[in-house]
């Protein structure tokens, strides 16, 4: 086929072809920029999830990757990320990869969360950890910490944090386990009255980002990016900025 093409081309046409190649190749590469879809627990719009989204978005941006976050029921989010249908988990407690074996923990914790007990019209000791086995406990299905600490107890796993706090408000459960940020945001959202948080946490745990096994080639890069942000003080700065925004928005 090449023998029908003239052996010479005008110099201006050659220059045009060379310039076109140099312009088009970078555009083509850029259009294939990778985007990861990470799951978070639906109904958890609070300081923790907003800060986690911003931290991971910045960390991935620093290595040339975009992040999209999809909110799903907790159990379904874990199912999809473990199957590789999504790319990983935005924020989860330590060691979930023992149960969800296709998930890889990125070994940099960028914040901690406090697991709290919430009550309404129930007198409980306020200075020590509560003996939960004496009460009907509610929590969000897929909340792995709550599932672990309530084994063998009288409990109800609701479909969402909104549902379980409504049940507490109506007296259908006696206590609820949720983080301080989650509980406060749900109470504000639903305008619930008379629900209080006991001051002593059940536990304070670090949280991590998880990737599906198919993305293990990104583990070293994202770990290095997060460690650099940690050294530069970016975690604390972002968390502080988000806390200020929520305080200004909600007047608390």
C-alpha atoms as a PDB file:
ATOM      1  CA  UNK A   1       0.000   0.000   0.000  1.00  0.00           C
ATOM      2  CA  UNK A   2       2.884   2.366   0.706  1.00  0.00           C
ATOM      3  CA  UNK A   3       4.154   2.232  -2.919  1.00  0.00           C
ATOM      4  CA  UNK A   4       1.306   4.498  -4.102  1.00  0.00           C
ATOM      5  CA  UNK A   5       2.329   7.318  -1.732  1.00  0.00           C
ATOM      6  CA  UNK A   6       4.784   9.849  -3.212  1.00  0.00           C
ATOM      7  CA  UNK A   7       8.315   9.489  -1.908  1.00  0.00           C
ATOM      8  CA  UNK A   8       8.382  13.177  -1.054  1.00  0.00           C
ATOM      9  CA  UNK A   9       6.062  15.503   0.844  1.00  0.00           C
ATOM     10  CA  UNK A  10       6.031  19.294   0.935  1.00  0.00           C
ATOM     11  CA  UNK A  11       8.035  20.602   3.890  1.00  0.00           C
ATOM     12  CA  UNK A  12       5.031  22.501   5.261  1.00  0.00           C
ATOM     13  CA  UNK A  13       2.951  19.302   5.332  1.00  0.00           C
ATOM     14  CA  UNK A  14       5.695  17.410   7.141  1.00  0.00           C
ATOM     15  CA  UNK A  15       5.852  20.122   9.794  1.00  0.00           C
ATOM     16  CA  UNK A  16       2.056  20.004  10.199  1.00  0.00           C
ATOM     17  CA  UNK A  17       2.121  16.241  10.738  1.00  0.00           C
ATOM     18  CA  UNK A  18       4.907  16.438  13.317  1.00  0.00           C
ATOM     19  CA  UNK A  19       3.168  19.190  15.284  1.00  0.00           C
ATOM     20  CA  UNK A  20      -0.132  17.285  15.181  1.00  0.00           C
ATOM     21  CA  UNK A  21       1.495  14.150  16.587  1.00  0.00           C
ATOM     22  CA  UNK A  22       3.130  16.095  19.441  1.00  0.00           C
ATOM     23  CA  UNK A  23      -0.185  17.735  20.361  1.00  0.00           C
ATOM     24  CA  UNK A  24      -2.471  14.740  20.048  1.00  0.00           C
ATOM     25  CA  UNK A  25      -0.420  12.193  21.983  1.00  0.00           C
ATOM     26  CA  UNK A  26      -0.450  14.052  25.333  1.00  0.00           C
ATOM     27  CA  UNK A  27      -4.190  14.734  24.955  1.00  0.00           C
ATOM     28  CA  UNK A  28      -4.836  11.033  24.358  1.00  0.00           C
ATOM     29  CA  UNK A  29      -2.810  10.032  27.417  1.00  0.00           C
ATOM     30  CA  UNK A  30      -4.535  12.630  29.594  1.00  0.00           C
ATOM     31  CA  UNK A  31      -7.975  11.419  28.528  1.00  0.00           C
ATOM     32  CA  UNK A  32      -7.124   8.005  29.990  1.00  0.00           C
ATOM     33  CA  UNK A  33      -6.342   9.400  33.463  1.00  0.00           C
ATOM     34  CA  UNK A  34      -7.365   6.876  36.096  1.00  0.00           C
ATOM     35  CA  UNK A  35     -10.341   7.436  38.392  1.00  0.00           C
ATOM     36  CA  UNK A  36     -10.890   5.228  41.446  1.00  0.00           C
ATOM     37  CA  UNK A  37     -14.392   4.686  42.835  1.00  0.00           C
ATOM     38  CA  UNK A  38     -14.343   4.322  46.615  1.00  0.00           C
ATOM     39  CA  UNK A  39     -17.363   3.478  48.747  1.00  0.00           C
ATOM     40  CA  UNK A  40     -18.453   5.126  51.968  1.00  0.00           C
ATOM     41  CA  UNK A  41     -21.375   4.433  54.298  1.00  0.00           C
ATOM     42  CA  UNK A  42     -24.585   6.116  53.150  1.00  0.00           C
ATOM     43  CA  UNK A  43     -26.087   8.633  55.576  1.00  0.00           C
ATOM     44  CA  UNK A  44     -22.733   9.534  57.096  1.00  0.00           C
ATOM     45  CA  UNK A  45     -22.250  13.129  56.030  1.00  0.00           C
ATOM     46  CA  UNK A  46     -20.152  14.338  58.931  1.00  0.00           C
ATOM     47  CA  UNK A  47     -16.744  15.782  59.707  1.00  0.00           C
ATOM     48  CA  UNK A  48     -15.021  12.402  59.525  1.00  0.00           C
ATOM     49  CA  UNK A  49     -16.270  11.354  56.090  1.00  0.00           C
ATOM     50  CA  UNK A  50     -15.826  14.833  54.590  1.00  0.00           C
ATOM     51  CA  UNK A  51     -12.259  15.062  55.923  1.00  0.00           C
ATOM     52  CA  UNK A  52     -11.492  11.511  54.738  1.00  0.00           C
ATOM     53  CA  UNK A  53     -12.744  12.355  51.240  1.00  0.00           C
ATOM     54  CA  UNK A  54     -10.582  15.471  51.058  1.00  0.00           C
ATOM     55  CA  UNK A  55      -7.480  13.746  52.425  1.00  0.00           C
ATOM     56  CA  UNK A  56      -7.683  10.819  50.008  1.00  0.00           C
ATOM     57  CA  UNK A  57      -8.620  13.042  47.057  1.00  0.00           C
ATOM     58  CA  UNK A  58      -5.494  15.129  47.670  1.00  0.00           C
ATOM     59  CA  UNK A  59      -3.295  12.083  48.230  1.00  0.00           C
ATOM     60  CA  UNK A  60      -4.398  10.489  44.967  1.00  0.00           C
ATOM     61  CA  UNK A  61      -4.246  13.774  43.054  1.00  0.00           C
ATOM     62  CA  UNK A  62      -0.587  13.985  44.056  1.00  0.00           C
ATOM     63  CA  UNK A  63       0.039  10.738  42.153  1.00  0.00           C
ATOM     64  CA  UNK A  64      -2.122  11.675  39.160  1.00  0.00           C
ATOM     65  CA  UNK A  65      -5.312   9.793  40.043  1.00  0.00           C
ATOM     66  CA  UNK A  66      -8.866  11.071  40.517  1.00  0.00           C
ATOM     67  CA  UNK A  67     -11.215   9.822  43.244  1.00  0.00           C
ATOM     68  CA  UNK A  68     -15.002   9.388  43.077  1.00  0.00           C
ATOM     69  CA  UNK A  69     -16.874   8.489  46.269  1.00  0.00           C
ATOM     70  CA  UNK A  70     -20.096   6.480  46.189  1.00  0.00           C
ATOM     71  CA  UNK A  71     -22.376   6.317  49.239  1.00  0.00           C
ATOM     72  CA  UNK A  72     -23.935   2.890  49.852  1.00  0.00           C
ATOM     73  CA  UNK A  73     -25.396   0.899  52.760  1.00  0.00           C
ATOM     74  CA  UNK A  74     -22.444  -0.313  54.819  1.00  0.00           C
ATOM     75  CA  UNK A  75     -22.806  -4.041  54.154  1.00  0.00           C
ATOM     76  CA  UNK A  76     -23.364  -3.551  50.423  1.00  0.00           C
ATOM     77  CA  UNK A  77     -20.385  -1.203  50.177  1.00  0.00           C
ATOM     78  CA  UNK A  78     -18.135  -3.894  51.657  1.00  0.00           C
ATOM     79  CA  UNK A  79     -19.605  -6.554  49.376  1.00  0.00           C
ATOM     80  CA  UNK A  80     -18.961  -4.496  46.234  1.00  0.00           C
ATOM     81  CA  UNK A  81     -15.460  -3.402  47.192  1.00  0.00           C
ATOM     82  CA  UNK A  82     -14.475  -6.938  48.229  1.00  0.00           C
ATOM     83  CA  UNK A  83     -15.730  -8.240  44.876  1.00  0.00           C
ATOM     84  CA  UNK A  84     -13.744  -5.589  43.001  1.00  0.00           C
ATOM     85  CA  UNK A  85     -16.856  -3.970  41.544  1.00  0.00           C
ATOM     86  CA  UNK A  86     -15.689  -0.770  43.206  1.00  0.00           C
ATOM     87  CA  UNK A  87     -12.038   0.041  43.855  1.00  0.00           C
ATOM     88  CA  UNK A  88     -11.934   0.123  47.637  1.00  0.00           C
ATOM     89  CA  UNK A  89     -13.195   1.625  50.892  1.00  0.00           C
ATOM     90  CA  UNK A  90     -12.849   5.280  51.838  1.00  0.00           C
ATOM     91  CA  UNK A  91     -12.660   4.766  55.589  1.00  0.00           C
ATOM     92  CA  UNK A  92     -12.887   1.631  57.760  1.00  0.00           C
ATOM     93  CA  UNK A  93     -11.545   0.353  61.051  1.00  0.00           C
ATOM     94  CA  UNK A  94      -8.418  -1.791  61.274  1.00  0.00           C
ATOM     95  CA  UNK A  95      -8.209  -5.433  60.211  1.00  0.00           C
ATOM     96  CA  UNK A  96     -11.398  -5.726  58.131  1.00  0.00           C
ATOM     97  CA  UNK A  97      -9.214  -7.434  55.520  1.00  0.00           C
ATOM     98  CA  UNK A  98      -9.213 -10.542  57.757  1.00  0.00           C
ATOM     99  CA  UNK A  99     -12.897 -10.983  56.931  1.00  0.00           C
ATOM    100  CA  UNK A 100     -12.971  -9.248  53.531  1.00  0.00           C
ATOM    101  CA  UNK A 101      -9.918 -10.971  52.177  1.00  0.00           C
ATOM    102  CA  UNK A 102      -9.775  -9.251  48.776  1.00  0.00           C
ATOM    103  CA  UNK A 103      -9.222  -5.868  50.422  1.00  0.00           C
ATOM    104  CA  UNK A 104      -5.733  -4.527  51.138  1.00  0.00           C
ATOM    105  CA  UNK A 105      -5.181  -2.045  53.967  1.00  0.00           C
ATOM    106  CA  UNK A 106      -3.198   1.062  53.095  1.00  0.00           C
ATOM    107  CA  UNK A 107      -1.026   1.152  56.230  1.00  0.00           C
ATOM    108  CA  UNK A 108      -1.366   4.845  57.079  1.00  0.00           C
ATOM    109  CA  UNK A 109      -4.107   5.893  59.501  1.00  0.00           C
ATOM    110  CA  UNK A 110      -5.144   9.467  58.832  1.00  0.00           C
ATOM    111  CA  UNK A 111      -7.546   9.912  61.768  1.00  0.00           C
ATOM    112  CA  UNK A 112      -9.177   8.162  64.726  1.00  0.00           C
ATOM    113  CA  UNK A 113     -12.848   7.704  65.598  1.00  0.00           C
ATOM    114  CA  UNK A 114     -14.628   7.405  68.947  1.00  0.00           C
ATOM    115  CA  UNK A 115     -17.289   4.705  69.276  1.00  0.00           C
ATOM    116  CA  UNK A 116     -19.944   6.061  71.630  1.00  0.00           C
ATOM    117  CA  UNK A 117     -23.121   4.951  73.407  1.00  0.00           C
ATOM    118  CA  UNK A 118     -26.283   7.015  72.843  1.00  0.00           C
ATOM    119  CA  UNK A 119     -29.411   6.887  75.029  1.00  0.00           C
ATOM    120  CA  UNK A 120     -32.793   8.532  75.589  1.00  0.00           C
ATOM    121  CA  UNK A 121     -34.668   8.636  78.908  1.00  0.00           C
ATOM    122  CA  UNK A 122     -32.422   5.937  80.321  1.00  0.00           C
ATOM    123  CA  UNK A 123     -30.242   6.478  83.393  1.00  0.00           C
ATOM    124  CA  UNK A 124     -26.839   4.895  82.829  1.00  0.00           C
ATOM    125  CA  UNK A 125     -23.513   5.207  84.634  1.00  0.00           C
ATOM    126  CA  UNK A 126     -21.626   8.089  83.030  1.00  0.00           C
ATOM    127  CA  UNK A 127     -18.070   7.623  84.243  1.00  0.00           C
ATOM    128  CA  UNK A 128     -17.263   4.058  83.244  1.00  0.00           C
ATOM    129  CA  UNK A 129     -17.900   1.884  80.228  1.00  0.00           C
ATOM    130  CA  UNK A 130     -21.449   0.585  80.129  1.00  0.00           C
ATOM    131  CA  UNK A 131     -22.277  -3.111  80.420  1.00  0.00           C
ATOM    132  CA  UNK A 132     -24.137  -3.316  77.119  1.00  0.00           C
ATOM    133  CA  UNK A 133     -25.415  -6.833  77.733  1.00  0.00           C
ATOM    134  CA  UNK A 134     -28.134  -5.396  79.999  1.00  0.00           C
ATOM    135  CA  UNK A 135     -29.821  -3.458  77.172  1.00  0.00           C
ATOM    136  CA  UNK A 136     -31.386  -3.817  73.732  1.00  0.00           C
ATOM    137  CA  UNK A 137     -28.696  -2.389  71.459  1.00  0.00           C
ATOM    138  CA  UNK A 138     -29.166  -0.802  68.066  1.00  0.00           C
ATOM    139  CA  UNK A 139     -26.575  -0.036  65.390  1.00  0.00           C
ATOM    140  CA  UNK A 140     -26.210   0.271  61.635  1.00  0.00           C
ATOM    141  CA  UNK A 141     -25.884  -3.017  59.746  1.00  0.00           C
ATOM    142  CA  UNK A 142     -22.306  -3.383  58.547  1.00  0.00           C
ATOM    143  CA  UNK A 143     -20.852  -1.297  61.396  1.00  0.00           C
ATOM    144  CA  UNK A 144     -18.098  -3.793  62.074  1.00  0.00           C
ATOM    145  CA  UNK A 145     -16.975  -2.418  65.423  1.00  0.00           C
ATOM    146  CA  UNK A 146     -20.524  -2.615  66.842  1.00  0.00           C
ATOM    147  CA  UNK A 147     -21.006  -6.085  65.420  1.00  0.00           C
ATOM    148  CA  UNK A 148     -17.827  -7.192  67.183  1.00  0.00           C
ATOM    149  CA  UNK A 149     -18.515  -5.753  70.652  1.00  0.00           C
ATOM    150  CA  UNK A 150     -22.130  -6.962  70.779  1.00  0.00           C
ATOM    151  CA  UNK A 151     -21.597 -10.626  69.978  1.00  0.00           C
ATOM    152  CA  UNK A 152     -24.020 -12.747  71.969  1.00  0.00           C
ATOM    153  CA  UNK A 153     -26.011  -9.702  73.155  1.00  0.00           C
ATOM    154  CA  UNK A 154     -29.588  -8.591  72.515  1.00  0.00           C
ATOM    155  CA  UNK A 155     -29.264  -6.341  69.472  1.00  0.00           C
ATOM    156  CA  UNK A 156     -30.884  -5.029  66.326  1.00  0.00           C
ATOM    157  CA  UNK A 157     -28.984  -4.132  63.144  1.00  0.00           C
ATOM    158  CA  UNK A 158     -30.864  -1.412  61.251  1.00  0.00           C
ATOM    159  CA  UNK A 159     -30.585  -0.558  57.586  1.00  0.00           C
ATOM    160  CA  UNK A 160     -29.185   2.924  58.243  1.00  0.00           C
ATOM    161  CA  UNK A 161     -28.036   5.214  61.027  1.00  0.00           C
ATOM    162  CA  UNK A 162     -31.143   7.319  60.455  1.00  0.00           C
ATOM    163  CA  UNK A 163     -33.354   4.296  61.072  1.00  0.00           C
ATOM    164  CA  UNK A 164     -31.605   3.210  64.256  1.00  0.00           C
ATOM    165  CA  UNK A 165     -31.712   6.699  65.781  1.00  0.00           C
ATOM    166  CA  UNK A 166     -35.420   6.933  64.963  1.00  0.00           C
ATOM    167  CA  UNK A 167     -35.859   3.620  66.792  1.00  0.00           C
ATOM    168  CA  UNK A 168     -34.014   5.027  69.796  1.00  0.00           C
ATOM    169  CA  UNK A 169     -36.232   8.098  69.707  1.00  0.00           C
ATOM    170  CA  UNK A 170     -39.345   5.888  69.708  1.00  0.00           C
ATOM    171  CA  UNK A 171     -38.061   3.607  72.479  1.00  0.00           C
ATOM    172  CA  UNK A 172     -37.692   0.532  70.265  1.00  0.00           C
ATOM    173  CA  UNK A 173     -34.061   0.124  71.285  1.00  0.00           C
ATOM    174  CA  UNK A 174     -32.524   1.231  74.590  1.00  0.00           C
ATOM    175  CA  UNK A 175     -29.055   2.257  73.446  1.00  0.00           C
ATOM    176  CA  UNK A 176     -27.370   2.933  70.120  1.00  0.00           C
ATOM    177  CA  UNK A 177     -23.713   2.542  69.198  1.00  0.00           C
ATOM    178  CA  UNK A 178     -22.401   5.172  66.785  1.00  0.00           C
ATOM    179  CA  UNK A 179     -19.398   7.463  66.541  1.00  0.00           C
ATOM    180  CA  UNK A 180     -19.649  10.906  68.076  1.00  0.00           C
ATOM    181  CA  UNK A 181     -19.604  12.597  64.652  1.00  0.00           C
ATOM    182  CA  UNK A 182     -22.221  10.265  63.195  1.00  0.00           C
ATOM    183  CA  UNK A 183     -24.574  10.573  66.153  1.00  0.00           C
ATOM    184  CA  UNK A 184     -24.403  14.363  66.251  1.00  0.00           C
ATOM    185  CA  UNK A 185     -24.962  14.690  62.505  1.00  0.00           C
ATOM    186  CA  UNK A 186     -27.991  12.341  62.548  1.00  0.00           C
ATOM    187  CA  UNK A 187     -29.529  14.186  65.509  1.00  0.00           C
ATOM    188  CA  UNK A 188     -29.141  17.476  63.655  1.00  0.00           C
ATOM    189  CA  UNK A 189     -30.487  16.015  60.416  1.00  0.00           C
ATOM    190  CA  UNK A 190     -33.603  14.497  62.024  1.00  0.00           C
ATOM    191  CA  UNK A 191     -34.035  17.249  64.634  1.00  0.00           C
ATOM    192  CA  UNK A 192     -34.236  14.678  67.437  1.00  0.00           C
ATOM    193  CA  UNK A 193     -34.689  15.816  71.032  1.00  0.00           C
ATOM    194  CA  UNK A 194     -33.634  14.249  74.324  1.00  0.00           C
ATOM    195  CA  UNK A 195     -30.969  11.900  72.947  1.00  0.00           C
ATOM    196  CA  UNK A 196     -27.630  12.125  74.711  1.00  0.00           C
ATOM    197  CA  UNK A 197     -24.172  10.635  74.317  1.00  0.00           C
ATOM    198  CA  UNK A 198     -22.373   9.033  77.249  1.00  0.00           C
ATOM    199  CA  UNK A 199     -18.992  10.730  77.746  1.00  0.00           C
ATOM    200  CA  UNK A 200     -16.806   7.612  77.894  1.00  0.00           C
ATOM    201  CA  UNK A 201     -16.062   5.962  74.529  1.00  0.00           C
ATOM    202  CA  UNK A 202     -16.423   2.235  74.131  1.00  0.00           C
ATOM    203  CA  UNK A 203     -13.171   2.496  72.196  1.00  0.00           C
ATOM    204  CA  UNK A 204     -11.046   4.893  70.160  1.00  0.00           C
ATOM    205  CA  UNK A 205      -9.753   3.311  66.987  1.00  0.00           C
ATOM    206  CA  UNK A 206      -7.606   4.351  64.025  1.00  0.00           C
ATOM    207  CA  UNK A 207      -9.231   4.186  60.608  1.00  0.00           C
ATOM    208  CA  UNK A 208      -7.720   3.276  57.267  1.00  0.00           C
ATOM    209  CA  UNK A 209      -8.257   3.334  53.525  1.00  0.00           C
ATOM    210  CA  UNK A 210      -8.571  -0.045  51.771  1.00  0.00           C
ATOM    211  CA  UNK A 211      -7.937  -0.977  48.149  1.00  0.00           C
ATOM    212  CA  UNK A 212      -9.210  -3.995  46.266  1.00  0.00           C
ATOM    213  CA  UNK A 213      -6.575  -6.548  45.344  1.00  0.00           C
ATOM    214  CA  UNK A 214      -6.808  -5.513  41.664  1.00  0.00           C
ATOM    215  CA  UNK A 215      -5.322  -2.134  42.633  1.00  0.00           C
ATOM    216  CA  UNK A 216      -2.383  -3.491  44.627  1.00  0.00           C
ATOM    217  CA  UNK A 217       0.012  -1.880  42.130  1.00  0.00           C
ATOM    218  CA  UNK A 218      -1.063   1.482  43.626  1.00  0.00           C
ATOM    219  CA  UNK A 219      -0.311   0.515  47.241  1.00  0.00           C
ATOM    220  CA  UNK A 220       3.282   1.762  47.382  1.00  0.00           C
ATOM    221  CA  UNK A 221       2.497   5.063  45.650  1.00  0.00           C
ATOM    222  CA  UNK A 222      -0.571   5.947  47.734  1.00  0.00           C
ATOM    223  CA  UNK A 223       1.221   4.935  50.943  1.00  0.00           C
ATOM    224  CA  UNK A 224       4.111   7.268  50.101  1.00  0.00           C
ATOM    225  CA  UNK A 225       1.710  10.075  49.188  1.00  0.00           C
ATOM    226  CA  UNK A 226      -0.179   9.752  52.489  1.00  0.00           C
ATOM    227  CA  UNK A 227       3.037   9.610  54.509  1.00  0.00           C
ATOM    228  CA  UNK A 228       4.238  12.820  52.875  1.00  0.00           C
ATOM    229  CA  UNK A 229       0.931  14.526  53.684  1.00  0.00           C
ATOM    230  CA  UNK A 230       1.265  13.314  57.273  1.00  0.00           C
ATOM    231  CA  UNK A 231       4.807  14.718  57.557  1.00  0.00           C
ATOM    232  CA  UNK A 232       3.679  18.033  56.063  1.00  0.00           C
ATOM    233  CA  UNK A 233       0.830  18.367  58.567  1.00  0.00           C
ATOM    234  CA  UNK A 234      -1.863  18.129  55.898  1.00  0.00           C
ATOM    235  CA  UNK A 235      -4.022  15.631  57.831  1.00  0.00           C
ATOM    236  CA  UNK A 236      -4.429  17.919  60.822  1.00  0.00           C
ATOM    237  CA  UNK A 237      -4.930  20.983  58.641  1.00  0.00           C
ATOM    238  CA  UNK A 238      -7.709  19.384  56.590  1.00  0.00           C
ATOM    239  CA  UNK A 239      -9.433  17.932  59.675  1.00  0.00           C
ATOM    240  CA  UNK A 240      -9.280  21.334  61.381  1.00  0.00           C
ATOM    241  CA  UNK A 241     -10.674  23.105  58.292  1.00  0.00           C
ATOM    242  CA  UNK A 242     -13.594  20.686  58.040  1.00  0.00           C
ATOM    243  CA  UNK A 243     -14.368  20.987  61.771  1.00  0.00           C
ATOM    244  CA  UNK A 244     -14.462  24.779  61.436  1.00  0.00           C
ATOM    245  CA  UNK A 245     -16.778  24.568  58.420  1.00  0.00           C
ATOM    246  CA  UNK A 246     -19.223  22.302  60.282  1.00  0.00           C
ATOM    247  CA  UNK A 247     -19.091  24.521  63.357  1.00  0.00           C
ATOM    248  CA  UNK A 248     -19.888  27.606  61.284  1.00  0.00           C
ATOM    249  CA  UNK A 249     -22.673  25.811  59.394  1.00  0.00           C
ATOM    250  CA  UNK A 250     -24.386  24.263  62.397  1.00  0.00           C
ATOM    251  CA  UNK A 251     -23.550  26.884  65.008  1.00  0.00           C
ATOM    252  CA  UNK A 252     -21.889  24.432  67.350  1.00  0.00           C
END
